[in-house]
Amino acid sequence: MKEVLLQIPTLDAEQSIEIDVRINGKRRTLKYRVEIIDLPRESEDSPDRVDLLRHVIAARHDDWELIQIGAPIKDQIPITFRKKNIVTAESA
């Protein structure tokens, strides 16, 4: 599936996004989840941050796939997941 880049407003932690699209005339709902990961302040060590991200990604539910790890903002990193099962509605 090709990707489309959409600018969305800044989200708070643990928020979900649903986007309705039409692909070849068929309506589909795409679901995304954004998690904001707090980075430990006491450690600026990159391996510690990488291990934290690995743990968060490995702990996700199997219905979600990693889409993007965002750029750090202060002491937080946004991680975006997409629901694997695409809900298909009736054609319009």
Protein backbone atom coordinates (compact mmCIF):
# COMPACT_ATOMS: atom_id res chain seq x y z
CA MET A 1 0.00 0.00 0.00
CA LYS A 2 1.31 3.43 -0.88
CA GLU A 3 1.57 5.98 1.90
CA VAL A 4 -0.01 9.43 2.01
CA LEU A 5 1.46 12.07 4.29
CA LEU A 6 -1.10 14.08 6.27
CA GLN A 7 -0.34 16.90 8.66
CA ILE A 8 -2.31 16.40 11.85
CA PRO A 9 -2.55 18.62 14.91
CA THR A 10 -0.30 17.93 17.88
CA LEU A 11 -1.74 15.08 19.91
CA ASP A 12 -1.64 14.24 23.57
CA ALA A 13 -0.32 10.87 24.70
CA GLU A 14 -2.27 7.73 23.84
CA GLN A 15 -4.61 9.29 21.30
CA SER A 16 -6.10 7.55 18.29
CA ILE A 17 -6.85 8.84 14.81
CA GLU A 18 -9.35 7.39 12.33
CA ILE A 19 -9.18 8.42 8.70
CA ASP A 20 -11.88 7.51 6.17
CA VAL A 21 -10.58 7.19 2.62
CA ARG A 22 -11.88 5.88 -0.69
CA ILE A 23 -9.64 3.57 -2.67
CA ASN A 24 -10.97 2.64 -6.11
CA GLY A 25 -14.43 3.71 -4.95
CA LYS A 26 -14.38 1.56 -1.82
CA ARG A 27 -14.54 3.25 1.55
CA ARG A 28 -11.95 2.21 4.13
CA THR A 29 -11.20 3.37 7.65
CA LEU A 30 -7.53 3.56 8.60
CA LYS A 31 -6.74 3.64 12.31
CA TYR A 32 -3.60 5.11 13.85
CA ARG A 33 -2.38 5.41 17.43
CA VAL A 34 0.22 7.87 18.67
CA GLU A 35 2.15 7.13 21.84
CA ILE A 36 4.32 9.78 23.46
CA ILE A 37 7.31 8.19 25.21
CA ASP A 38 8.93 10.07 28.07
CA LEU A 39 12.71 9.86 27.97
CA PRO A 40 14.61 9.64 31.26
CA ARG A 41 16.29 12.97 31.99
CA GLU A 42 19.11 11.51 34.04
CA SER A 43 20.44 9.62 31.04
CA GLU A 44 21.41 11.28 27.79
CA ASP A 45 23.00 8.00 26.71
CA SER A 46 21.67 6.95 23.29
CA PRO A 47 21.76 3.18 23.99
CA ASP A 48 19.42 3.71 26.99
CA ARG A 49 16.97 5.58 24.78
CA VAL A 50 17.18 2.93 22.06
CA ASP A 51 16.51 0.17 24.61
CA LEU A 52 13.48 2.09 25.90
CA LEU A 53 12.11 2.45 22.36
CA ARG A 54 12.72 -1.24 21.63
CA HIS A 55 10.79 -2.18 24.76
CA VAL A 56 7.81 0.04 23.86
CA ILE A 57 7.72 -1.28 20.29
CA ALA A 58 8.04 -4.92 21.39
CA ALA A 59 5.22 -4.47 23.94
CA ARG A 60 2.68 -3.29 21.37
CA HIS A 61 -0.34 -5.42 20.63
CA ASP A 62 -0.03 -7.66 17.55
CA ASP A 63 -2.89 -5.83 15.80
CA TRP A 64 -0.71 -2.70 15.46
CA GLU A 65 2.37 -2.12 13.30
CA LEU A 66 5.05 0.50 13.75
CA ILE A 67 4.74 3.31 11.21
CA GLN A 68 7.05 6.06 12.44
CA ILE A 69 9.34 7.10 15.26
CA GLY A 70 9.19 10.87 15.38
CA ALA A 71 11.90 13.36 16.19
CA PRO A 72 12.48 13.96 19.90
CA ILE A 73 10.79 17.03 21.35
CA LYS A 74 12.36 18.02 24.66
CA ASP A 75 12.26 14.80 26.71
CA GLN A 76 9.64 12.98 24.62
CA ILE A 77 9.50 10.92 21.43
CA PRO A 78 6.24 10.33 19.51
CA ILE A 79 5.72 6.84 18.09
CA THR A 80 2.97 6.17 15.53
CA PHE A 81 1.33 2.78 15.02
CA ARG A 82 -1.25 1.71 12.41
CA LYS A 83 -3.93 -0.93 12.95
CA LYS A 84 -3.14 -3.90 10.70
CA ASN A 85 -6.74 -4.89 9.97
CA ILE A 86 -8.29 -2.37 7.58
CA VAL A 87 -12.00 -2.02 8.13
CA THR A 88 -13.75 -1.97 4.78
CA ALA A 89 -17.17 -0.37 4.54
CA GLU A 90 -19.63 -0.71 1.69
CA SER A 91 -18.84 0.89 -1.66
CA ALA A 92 -20.36 4.26 -2.40
